[in-house]
C-alpha atoms as a PDB file:
ATOM      1  CA  MET A   1      40.293   9.845  15.037  1.00  0.00           C
ATOM      2  CA  ASN A   2      42.674   8.425  12.638  1.00  0.00           C
ATOM      3  CA  GLY A   3      42.522   5.257  10.318  1.00  0.00           C
ATOM      4  CA  HIS A   4      43.964   2.754  12.724  1.00  0.00           C
ATOM      5  CA  GLU A   5      41.639   4.016  15.426  1.00  0.00           C
ATOM      6  CA  TYR A   6      38.747   3.575  13.202  1.00  0.00           C
ATOM      7  CA  LYS A   7      39.645   0.095  12.128  1.00  0.00           C
ATOM      8  CA  ARG A   8      39.766  -0.917  15.627  1.00  0.00           C
ATOM      9  CA  LEU A   9      36.269   0.645  16.342  1.00  0.00           C
ATOM     10  CA  ILE A  10      34.881  -1.155  13.601  1.00  0.00           C
ATOM     11  CA  ALA A  11      36.510  -4.637  14.693  1.00  0.00           C
ATOM     12  CA  GLN A  12      35.176  -4.053  18.164  1.00  0.00           C
ATOM     13  CA  TYR A  13      31.595  -3.135  16.865  1.00  0.00           C
ATOM     14  CA  VAL A  14      31.476  -6.382  14.880  1.00  0.00           C
ATOM     15  CA  VAL A  15      32.717  -8.243  17.797  1.00  0.00           C
ATOM     16  CA  LYS A  16      30.172  -6.842  20.194  1.00  0.00           C
ATOM     17  CA  GLU A  17      27.133  -7.280  18.008  1.00  0.00           C
ATOM     18  CA  TYR A  18      28.145 -10.410  15.929  1.00  0.00           C
ATOM     19  CA  GLY A  19      30.944 -11.997  17.886  1.00  0.00           C
ATOM     20  CA  HIS A  20      28.753 -15.025  18.767  1.00  0.00           C
ATOM     21  CA  ARG A  21      28.495 -15.750  14.943  1.00  0.00           C
ATOM     22  CA  LEU A  22      31.791 -14.429  13.621  1.00  0.00           C
ATOM     23  CA  ARG A  23      35.515 -14.560  14.156  1.00  0.00           C
ATOM     24  CA  VAL A  24      37.261 -11.055  13.365  1.00  0.00           C
ATOM     25  CA  TYR A  25      41.025 -11.209  12.394  1.00  0.00           C
ATOM     26  CA  ASP A  26      43.214  -8.236  11.747  1.00  0.00           C
ATOM     27  CA  GLU A  27      45.470  -7.367   9.022  1.00  0.00           C
ATOM     28  CA  VAL A  28      45.277 -10.672   6.830  1.00  0.00           C
ATOM     29  CA  ASN A  29      47.123 -11.231   3.590  1.00  0.00           C
ATOM     30  CA  ILE A  30      44.980 -12.339   0.686  1.00  0.00           C
ATOM     31  CA  GLY A  31      46.865 -12.765  -2.712  1.00  0.00           C
ATOM     32  CA  THR A  32      48.175  -9.925  -4.908  1.00  0.00           C
ATOM     33  CA  SER A  33      46.632  -6.467  -5.518  1.00  0.00           C
ATOM     34  CA  ILE A  34      45.990  -4.895  -8.994  1.00  0.00           C
ATOM     35  CA  ILE A  35      49.389  -3.498  -9.146  1.00  0.00           C
ATOM     36  CA  GLY A  36      51.203  -6.816  -8.427  1.00  0.00           C
ATOM     37  CA  LYS A  37      51.793  -6.270  -4.696  1.00  0.00           C
ATOM     38  CA  GLN A  38      50.802  -8.483  -1.858  1.00  0.00           C
ATOM     39  CA  ARG A  39      47.335  -7.481  -0.560  1.00  0.00           C
ATOM     40  CA  ARG A  40      46.519  -6.963   2.864  1.00  0.00           C
ATOM     41  CA  VAL A  41      43.029  -6.412   4.081  1.00  0.00           C
ATOM     42  CA  ASP A  42      42.318  -4.468   7.359  1.00  0.00           C
ATOM     43  CA  LEU A  43      39.628  -7.235   8.847  1.00  0.00           C
ATOM     44  CA  LEU A  44      38.589 -10.676   7.802  1.00  0.00           C
ATOM     45  CA  LEU A  45      35.465 -11.610   9.114  1.00  0.00           C
ATOM     46  CA  VAL A  46      34.718 -15.448   9.149  1.00  0.00           C
ATOM     47  CA  GLU A  47      31.585 -17.421  10.040  1.00  0.00           C
ATOM     48  CA  PRO A  48      32.672 -20.720  11.483  1.00  0.00           C
ATOM     49  CA  SER A  49      29.581 -22.578  10.942  1.00  0.00           C
ATOM     50  CA  THR A  50      29.455 -21.993   7.188  1.00  0.00           C
ATOM     51  CA  ASN A  51      33.021 -21.131   6.504  1.00  0.00           C
ATOM     52  CA  LYS A  52      31.851 -18.018   4.654  1.00  0.00           C
ATOM     53  CA  ALA A  53      34.058 -14.759   4.792  1.00  0.00           C
ATOM     54  CA  LEU A  54      33.920 -10.996   4.314  1.00  0.00           C
ATOM     55  CA  ALA A  55      37.068  -8.849   3.766  1.00  0.00           C
ATOM     56  CA  LEU A  56      36.833  -5.284   4.987  1.00  0.00           C
ATOM     57  CA  GLU A  57      38.866  -2.031   4.443  1.00  0.00           C
ATOM     58  CA  CYS A  58      38.336   0.611   6.686  1.00  0.00           C
ATOM     59  CA  LYS A  59      38.655   4.293   5.721  1.00  0.00           C
ATOM     60  CA  TYR A  60      38.226   7.298   7.945  1.00  0.00           C
ATOM     61  CA  GLN A  61      38.901  10.863   6.798  1.00  0.00           C
ATOM     62  CA  ASP A  62      37.874  13.811   9.136  1.00  0.00           C
ATOM     63  CA  SER A  63      39.704  16.416   7.081  1.00  0.00           C
ATOM     64  CA  SER A  64      40.801  16.727   3.421  1.00  0.00           C
ATOM     65  CA  GLY A  65      43.828  14.610   2.755  1.00  0.00           C
ATOM     66  CA  THR A  66      45.355  11.591   0.674  1.00  0.00           C
ATOM     67  CA  ALA A  67      42.607   9.196   1.664  1.00  0.00           C
ATOM     68  CA  ASP A  68      40.595  10.768  -1.245  1.00  0.00           C
ATOM     69  CA  GLU A  69      43.181   9.351  -3.744  1.00  0.00           C
ATOM     70  CA  LYS A  70      43.299   5.876  -2.188  1.00  0.00           C
ATOM     71  CA  ILE A  71      39.431   5.318  -2.546  1.00  0.00           C
ATOM     72  CA  PRO A  72      39.218   4.716  -6.425  1.00  0.00           C
ATOM     73  CA  TYR A  73      42.041   2.393  -6.137  1.00  0.00           C
ATOM     74  CA  THR A  74      40.711   0.446  -3.120  1.00  0.00           C
ATOM     75  CA  LEU A  75      37.284  -0.044  -4.758  1.00  0.00           C
ATOM     76  CA  GLN A  76      38.735  -1.407  -8.042  1.00  0.00           C
ATOM     77  CA  ASP A  77      41.151  -3.888  -5.831  1.00  0.00           C
ATOM     78  CA  LEU A  78      38.259  -5.183  -3.883  1.00  0.00           C
ATOM     79  CA  ALA A  79      36.595  -5.895  -7.195  1.00  0.00           C
ATOM     80  CA  THR A  80      39.239  -8.266  -7.941  1.00  0.00           C
ATOM     81  CA  LEU A  81      39.393 -10.031  -4.646  1.00  0.00           C
ATOM     82  CA  ARG A  82      37.144 -13.070  -5.662  1.00  0.00           C
ATOM     83  CA  MET A  83      35.368 -12.944  -2.424  1.00  0.00           C
ATOM     84  CA  PRO A  84      32.833 -10.709  -0.702  1.00  0.00           C
ATOM     85  CA  ALA A  85      34.470  -7.453   0.333  1.00  0.00           C
ATOM     86  CA  ALA A  86      33.598  -3.827   1.138  1.00  0.00           C
ATOM     87  CA  VAL A  87      35.005  -0.563   2.070  1.00  0.00           C
ATOM     88  CA  VAL A  88      33.831   0.621   5.553  1.00  0.00           C
ATOM     89  CA  TYR A  89      34.140   4.563   5.836  1.00  0.00           C
ATOM     90  CA  ALA A  90      33.113   7.432   8.086  1.00  0.00           C
ATOM     91  CA  GLY A  91      34.230  11.081   8.498  1.00  0.00           C
ATOM     92  CA  THR A  92      33.535  14.365   6.937  1.00  0.00           C
ATOM     93  CA  GLY A  93      36.636  15.029   5.189  1.00  0.00           C
ATOM     94  CA  PHE A  94      35.874  13.368   1.971  1.00  0.00           C
ATOM     95  CA  SER A  95      35.560  15.352  -1.283  1.00  0.00           C
ATOM     96  CA  GLU A  96      32.269  15.659  -2.706  1.00  0.00           C
ATOM     97  CA  GLY A  97      33.263  13.626  -5.896  1.00  0.00           C
ATOM     98  CA  VAL A  98      34.794  10.725  -3.688  1.00  0.00           C
ATOM     99  CA  LEU A  99      31.947  10.693  -1.324  1.00  0.00           C
ATOM    100  CA  HIS A 100      29.568  10.245  -4.247  1.00  0.00           C
ATOM    101  CA  MET A 101      31.618   7.301  -5.522  1.00  0.00           C
ATOM    102  CA  LEU A 102      31.412   5.797  -2.019  1.00  0.00           C
ATOM    103  CA  GLN A 103      27.605   6.289  -1.765  1.00  0.00           C
ATOM    104  CA  SER A 104      27.009   4.748  -5.080  1.00  0.00           C
ATOM    105  CA  SER A 105      29.423   1.680  -5.068  1.00  0.00           C
ATOM    106  CA  GLU A 106      28.294  -1.761  -4.149  1.00  0.00           C
ATOM    107  CA  TYR A 107      31.704  -2.236  -2.538  1.00  0.00           C
ATOM    108  CA  ALA A 108      31.251   0.588   0.291  1.00  0.00           C
ATOM    109  CA  ALA A 109      29.222   0.893   3.450  1.00  0.00           C
ATOM    110  CA  TYR A 110      29.102   3.888   5.763  1.00  0.00           C
ATOM    111  CA  CYS A 111      29.418   2.772   9.352  1.00  0.00           C
ATOM    112  CA  GLN A 112      29.718   5.174  12.577  1.00  0.00           C
ATOM    113  CA  PRO A 113      29.024   3.169  15.681  1.00  0.00           C
ATOM    114  CA  THR A 114      28.240   4.959  19.049  1.00  0.00           C
ATOM    115  CA  SER A 115      30.721   5.160  21.911  1.00  0.00           C
ATOM    116  CA  GLU A 116      28.909   2.225  23.409  1.00  0.00           C
ATOM    117  CA  LEU A 117      29.309   0.274  20.212  1.00  0.00           C
ATOM    118  CA  GLY A 118      25.549  -0.248  19.543  1.00  0.00           C
ATOM    119  CA  LYS A 119      23.616  -0.441  16.302  1.00  0.00           C
ATOM    120  CA  LEU A 120      22.164   2.600  14.868  1.00  0.00           C
ATOM    121  CA  ALA A 121      19.240   2.877  12.226  1.00  0.00           C
ATOM    122  CA  ARG A 122      19.476   5.272   9.467  1.00  0.00           C
ATOM    123  CA  GLN A 123      18.288   8.928  10.429  1.00  0.00           C
ATOM    124  CA  LYS A 124      15.631  10.521   8.364  1.00  0.00           C
ATOM    125  CA  GLY A 125      17.015  12.167   5.366  1.00  0.00           C
ATOM    126  CA  GLN A 126      20.616  10.942   5.915  1.00  0.00           C
ATOM    127  CA  ILE A 127      21.881   8.170   3.840  1.00  0.00           C
ATOM    128  CA  ASN A 128      25.147   8.265   5.564  1.00  0.00           C
ATOM    129  CA  SER A 129      24.310   7.764   9.085  1.00  0.00           C
ATOM    130  CA  GLY A 130      24.250   4.993  11.783  1.00  0.00           C
ATOM    131  CA  THR A 131      25.718   1.365  11.330  1.00  0.00           C
ATOM    132  CA  TRP A 132      22.697   0.040   8.927  1.00  0.00           C
ATOM    133  CA  GLN A 133      24.772  -0.081   5.843  1.00  0.00           C
ATOM    134  CA  LEU A 134      27.473  -2.440   7.292  1.00  0.00           C
ATOM    135  CA  ASP A 135      24.711  -4.405   8.926  1.00  0.00           C
ATOM    136  CA  HIS A 136      23.036  -4.990   5.651  1.00  0.00           C
ATOM    137  CA  ILE A 137      26.176  -6.144   3.958  1.00  0.00           C
ATOM    138  CA  LEU A 138      26.639  -8.594   6.891  1.00  0.00           C
ATOM    139  CA  ALA A 139      23.133  -9.825   6.453  1.00  0.00           C
ATOM    140  CA  VAL A 140      23.402 -10.414   2.682  1.00  0.00           C
ATOM    141  CA  THR A 141      26.925 -11.974   2.945  1.00  0.00           C
ATOM    142  CA  PHE A 142      25.922 -14.443   5.699  1.00  0.00           C
ATOM    143  CA  GLN A 143      22.316 -14.765   4.900  1.00  0.00           C
ATOM    144  CA  TRP A 144      21.153 -13.328   8.130  1.00  0.00           C
ATOM    145  CA  TRP A 145      17.782 -12.577   6.773  1.00  0.00           C
ATOM    146  CA  GLU A 146      16.214 -11.745  10.403  1.00  0.00           C
ATOM    147  CA  LEU A 147      18.573  -8.626  10.092  1.00  0.00           C
ATOM    148  CA  LEU A 148      16.591  -7.279   7.309  1.00  0.00           C
ATOM    149  CA  ILE A 149      13.217  -8.602   8.183  1.00  0.00           C
ATOM    150  CA  GLY A 150      13.220  -7.240  11.731  1.00  0.00           C
ATOM    151  CA  ASP A 151       9.620  -7.427  13.111  1.00  0.00           C
ATOM    152  CA  LYS A 152       7.770  -7.576   9.881  1.00  0.00           C
ATOM    153  CA  VAL A 153       5.075 -10.247   9.455  1.00  0.00           C
ATOM    154  CA  ALA A 154       4.957 -12.592   6.585  1.00  0.00           C
ATOM    155  CA  VAL A 155       2.281 -11.987   3.846  1.00  0.00           C
ATOM    156  CA  SER A 156      -0.481 -14.547   3.759  1.00  0.00           C
ATOM    157  CA  PHE A 157      -2.791 -15.512   0.842  1.00  0.00           C
ATOM    158  CA  VAL A 158      -6.352 -14.349   0.898  1.00  0.00           C
ATOM    159  CA  ASP A 159      -8.766 -15.758  -1.733  1.00  0.00           C
ATOM    160  CA  ARG A 160     -10.874 -12.784  -2.725  1.00  0.00           C
ATOM    161  CA  ASN A 161     -12.839 -15.022  -5.080  1.00  0.00           C
ATOM    162  CA  ALA A 162     -14.295 -17.287  -2.652  1.00  0.00           C
ATOM    163  CA  GLN A 163     -17.816 -16.455  -1.410  1.00  0.00           C
ATOM    164  CA  GLU A 164     -19.783 -17.949   1.454  1.00  0.00           C
ATOM    165  CA  ALA A 165     -22.863 -20.020   0.356  1.00  0.00           C
ATOM    166  CA  PRO A 166     -25.953 -18.120   0.635  1.00  0.00           C
ATOM    167  CA  VAL A 167     -28.172 -18.748   3.806  1.00  0.00           C
ATOM    168  CA  PRO A 168     -31.934 -19.457   2.747  1.00  0.00           C
ATOM    169  CA  GLU A 169     -34.181 -16.739   4.029  1.00  0.00           C
ATOM    170  CA  GLU A 170     -37.066 -17.743   6.337  1.00  0.00           C
ATOM    171  CA  ALA A 171     -40.597 -16.221   5.962  1.00  0.00           C
ATOM    172  CA  THR A 172     -41.244 -13.335   8.193  1.00  0.00           C
ATOM    173  CA  PRO A 173     -44.733 -12.445   8.958  1.00  0.00           C
ATOM    174  CA  GLY A 174     -45.731  -9.099   7.818  1.00  0.00           C
ATOM    175  CA  VAL A 175     -42.404  -8.289   6.035  1.00  0.00           C
ATOM    176  CA  PRO A 176     -42.973  -7.676   2.416  1.00  0.00           C
ATOM    177  CA  GLY A 177     -40.863  -9.847  -0.015  1.00  0.00           C
ATOM    178  CA  SER A 178     -40.166 -12.552   2.351  1.00  0.00           C
ATOM    179  CA  LEU A 179     -40.705 -16.077   1.180  1.00  0.00           C
ATOM    180  CA  PRO A 180     -43.775 -17.944   2.538  1.00  0.00           C
ATOM    181  CA  ALA A 181     -43.252 -20.933   4.430  1.00  0.00           C
ATOM    182  CA  LEU A 182     -44.042 -24.221   2.695  1.00  0.00           C
ATOM    183  CA  PRO A 183     -45.872 -27.059   4.451  1.00  0.00           C
ATOM    184  CA  PRO A 184     -43.763 -30.284   4.978  1.00  0.00           C
ATOM    185  CA  ALA A 185     -43.857 -32.645   2.034  1.00  0.00           C
ATOM    186  CA  GLN A 186     -46.228 -35.466   2.190  1.00  0.00           C
ATOM    187  CA  GLU A 187     -46.035 -38.968   0.736  1.00  0.00           C
ATOM    188  CA  GLY A 188     -48.201 -41.796   0.045  1.00  0.00           C
ATOM    189  CA  PRO A 189     -51.984 -41.853   0.697  1.00  0.00           C
ATOM    190  CA  ALA A 190     -51.701 -38.550   2.477  1.00  0.00           C
ATOM    191  CA  LEU A 191     -51.395 -37.006  -0.892  1.00  0.00           C
ATOM    192  CA  ALA A 192     -54.757 -38.390  -1.946  1.00  0.00           C
ATOM    193  CA  GLU A 193     -56.528 -36.853   0.995  1.00  0.00           C
ATOM    194  CA  ALA A 194     -55.337 -33.246   0.214  1.00  0.00           C
ATOM    195  CA  GLN A 195     -58.680 -31.269  -0.071  1.00  0.00           C
ATOM    196  CA  PRO A 196     -58.865 -29.256  -3.077  1.00  0.00           C
ATOM    197  CA  ALA A 197     -59.202 -25.478  -2.747  1.00  0.00           C
ATOM    198  CA  ARG A 198     -62.078 -23.884  -4.393  1.00  0.00           C
ATOM    199  CA  VAL A 199     -62.318 -20.244  -5.529  1.00  0.00           C
ATOM    200  CA  GLU A 200     -65.778 -18.852  -6.259  1.00  0.00           C
ATOM    201  CA  SER A 201     -66.849 -15.278  -7.114  1.00  0.00           C
ATOM    202  CA  ILE A 202     -68.422 -13.038  -4.431  1.00  0.00           C
ATOM    203  CA  GLY A 203     -72.266 -13.204  -4.836  1.00  0.00           C
ATOM    204  CA  LYS A 204     -75.297 -15.214  -4.349  1.00  0.00           C
ATOM    205  CA  GLU A 205     -74.669 -17.414  -7.492  1.00  0.00           C
ATOM    206  CA  ALA A 206     -71.458 -19.113  -8.252  1.00  0.00           C
ATOM    207  CA  SER A 207     -69.617 -17.970 -11.243  1.00  0.00           C
ATOM    208  CA  PRO A 208     -69.583 -20.421 -14.061  1.00  0.00           C
ATOM    209  CA  LEU A 209     -65.784 -20.036 -13.992  1.00  0.00           C
ATOM    210  CA  ALA A 210     -64.431 -22.090 -11.030  1.00  0.00           C
ATOM    211  CA  VAL A 211     -60.804 -23.020 -10.160  1.00  0.00           C
ATOM    212  CA  GLU A 212     -59.899 -26.126  -8.466  1.00  0.00           C
ATOM    213  CA  CYS A 213     -56.395 -26.844  -7.214  1.00  0.00           C
ATOM    214  CA  SER A 214     -54.492 -29.267  -5.252  1.00  0.00           C
ATOM    215  CA  LEU A 215     -51.414 -27.615  -3.642  1.00  0.00           C
ATOM    216  CA  GLY A 216     -48.158 -28.602  -5.239  1.00  0.00           C
ATOM    217  CA  PHE A 217     -49.406 -30.271  -8.403  1.00  0.00           C
ATOM    218  CA  GLU A 218     -51.889 -28.609 -10.782  1.00  0.00           C
ATOM    219  CA  THR A 219     -54.794 -26.471 -11.101  1.00  0.00           C
ATOM    220  CA  GLN A 220     -58.127 -27.649 -12.567  1.00  0.00           C
ATOM    221  CA  LEU A 221     -59.972 -24.775 -14.561  1.00  0.00           C
ATOM    222  CA  SER A 222     -63.601 -25.484 -15.256  1.00  0.00           C
ATOM    223  CA  LEU A 223     -65.599 -23.428 -17.573  1.00  0.00           C
ATOM    224  CA  GLY A 224     -69.066 -24.701 -18.178  1.00  0.00           C
ATOM    225  CA  GLN A 225     -68.838 -28.380 -18.873  1.00  0.00           C
ATOM    226  CA  THR A 226     -65.303 -27.969 -20.411  1.00  0.00           C
ATOM    227  CA  LYS A 227     -62.275 -28.874 -18.091  1.00  0.00           C
ATOM    228  CA  ALA A 228     -58.693 -28.006 -18.702  1.00  0.00           C
ATOM    229  CA  LYS A 229     -55.671 -28.743 -16.651  1.00  0.00           C
ATOM    230  CA  VAL A 230     -52.852 -26.059 -16.265  1.00  0.00           C
ATOM    231  CA  PRO A 231     -49.579 -26.061 -14.288  1.00  0.00           C
ATOM    232  CA  PHE A 232     -49.771 -24.852 -10.952  1.00  0.00           C
ATOM    233  CA  ASP A 233     -47.879 -21.480  -9.976  1.00  0.00           C
ATOM    234  CA  LEU A 234     -47.193 -20.671  -6.519  1.00  0.00           C
ATOM    235  CA  SER A 235     -47.394 -16.978  -7.540  1.00  0.00           C
ATOM    236  CA  ASP A 236     -51.016 -17.326  -8.481  1.00  0.00           C
END
């Protein structure tokens, strides 16, 4: 494959995958280069709905040759273009130094479509593989974020400090530690009719110490002829 055939391959790939969004134009003149000559880019991609554009230079090298010498110049020239631009490249003939320059440049994207012109994701362990680098440049240039997001689900907020209100426990007969069930509250005269509970010692004679209580209010402690009132405690 030569450079002209590779440029046509990239153009056909873009038209097949993104032709419903873009118009692709071949050999477009844009201003002057860094050495004062008329600049002509290989491909100009235009999105009619937004009027945004991306200029592409296509470089393919399958064996060592003069393309190595053109890469540094091409990268510098695209940096002065005053519009989004990139070098699209493929092939195994680039020298190690030039290949590193392309891989680390913000103006370069590897792209090698299949013969069917389909998208290819990055192969594991190979940064220069598939079409994903060019796809990402198109996504960022034209703000097609769905190409980057794919099938990922948006993150939702979860308040980990929120706690549910505790549910009151009901008394369970025969279960230690369960709360006793209290009788329903009474109002009015019914309170006066509550019968006091009397606690007496076991034996034939009543102890001089007796306790009288009215549930929910107070306990009356009698010792001989002296009476004292103390607060009622459910735990007693």
